Amino acid sequence: MKRRILSAVLSVALLVAVAAAASGCHTLRGVGRDVESGGEAIQDAVDR
């Protein structure tokens, strides 16, 4: 039961994060830049 609740909470949090990120991008090009920037940040964190 706790696992199901945790899964639901994480799903809602992910949905909110995606919605917030998408609302910050005014164009499809902006989305691409944001995704690229996020990928670079992840790569930098892994390289450390």
C-alpha atoms as a PDB file:
ATOM      1  CA  MET A   1       0.000   0.000   0.000  1.00  0.00           C
ATOM      2  CA  LYS A   2       2.787   2.460   0.910  1.00  0.00           C
ATOM      3  CA  ARG A   3       4.553   1.656  -2.342  1.00  0.00           C
ATOM      4  CA  ARG A   4       1.432   2.504  -4.349  1.00  0.00           C
ATOM      5  CA  ILE A   5       1.041   5.839  -2.549  1.00  0.00           C
ATOM      6  CA  LEU A   6       4.714   6.678  -3.042  1.00  0.00           C
ATOM      7  CA  SER A   7       4.411   5.847  -6.732  1.00  0.00           C
ATOM      8  CA  ALA A   8       1.372   8.111  -7.072  1.00  0.00           C
ATOM      9  CA  VAL A   9       3.110  10.984  -5.259  1.00  0.00           C
ATOM     10  CA  LEU A  10       6.215  10.652  -7.431  1.00  0.00           C
ATOM     11  CA  SER A  11       4.082  10.553 -10.577  1.00  0.00           C
ATOM     12  CA  VAL A  12       2.281  13.747  -9.596  1.00  0.00           C
ATOM     13  CA  ALA A  13       5.581  15.435  -8.719  1.00  0.00           C
ATOM     14  CA  LEU A  14       7.028  14.471 -12.096  1.00  0.00           C
ATOM     15  CA  LEU A  15       3.942  15.748 -13.882  1.00  0.00           C
ATOM     16  CA  VAL A  16       4.160  19.079 -12.030  1.00  0.00           C
ATOM     17  CA  ALA A  17       7.858  19.387 -12.849  1.00  0.00           C
ATOM     18  CA  VAL A  18       7.252  18.708 -16.538  1.00  0.00           C
ATOM     19  CA  ALA A  19       4.370  21.192 -16.623  1.00  0.00           C
ATOM     20  CA  ALA A  20       6.499  23.859 -14.945  1.00  0.00           C
ATOM     21  CA  ALA A  21       9.371  23.261 -17.352  1.00  0.00           C
ATOM     22  CA  ALA A  22       7.059  23.338 -20.358  1.00  0.00           C
ATOM     23  CA  SER A  23       5.402  26.556 -19.248  1.00  0.00           C
ATOM     24  CA  GLY A  24       8.813  28.206 -19.070  1.00  0.00           C
ATOM     25  CA  CYS A  25       9.494  27.418 -22.716  1.00  0.00           C
ATOM     26  CA  HIS A  26       7.745  29.643 -25.216  1.00  0.00           C
ATOM     27  CA  THR A  27       8.749  27.741 -28.342  1.00  0.00           C
ATOM     28  CA  LEU A  28       9.732  24.274 -29.409  1.00  0.00           C
ATOM     29  CA  ARG A  29      13.251  25.583 -29.894  1.00  0.00           C
ATOM     30  CA  GLY A  30      13.205  26.695 -26.260  1.00  0.00           C
ATOM     31  CA  VAL A  31      12.204  23.192 -25.169  1.00  0.00           C
ATOM     32  CA  GLY A  32      15.127  21.769 -27.134  1.00  0.00           C
ATOM     33  CA  ARG A  33      17.536  24.164 -25.465  1.00  0.00           C
ATOM     34  CA  ASP A  34      16.184  23.313 -22.030  1.00  0.00           C
ATOM     35  CA  VAL A  35      16.458  19.572 -22.666  1.00  0.00           C
ATOM     36  CA  GLU A  36      19.991  20.001 -23.977  1.00  0.00           C
ATOM     37  CA  SER A  37      20.933  22.107 -20.961  1.00  0.00           C
ATOM     38  CA  GLY A  38      19.497  19.490 -18.620  1.00  0.00           C
ATOM     39  CA  GLY A  39      21.426  16.745 -20.381  1.00  0.00           C
ATOM     40  CA  GLU A  40      24.653  18.698 -20.116  1.00  0.00           C
ATOM     41  CA  ALA A  41      24.068  19.268 -16.399  1.00  0.00           C
ATOM     42  CA  ILE A  42      23.557  15.538 -15.881  1.00  0.00           C
ATOM     43  CA  GLN A  43      26.705  14.734 -17.840  1.00  0.00           C
ATOM     44  CA  ASP A  44      28.702  17.248 -15.795  1.00  0.00           C
ATOM     45  CA  ALA A  45      27.420  15.724 -12.570  1.00  0.00           C
ATOM     46  CA  VAL A  46      28.350  12.208 -13.712  1.00  0.00           C
ATOM     47  CA  ASP A  47      31.813  13.297 -14.846  1.00  0.00           C
ATOM     48  CA  ARG A  48      32.657  14.658 -11.374  1.00  0.00           C
END
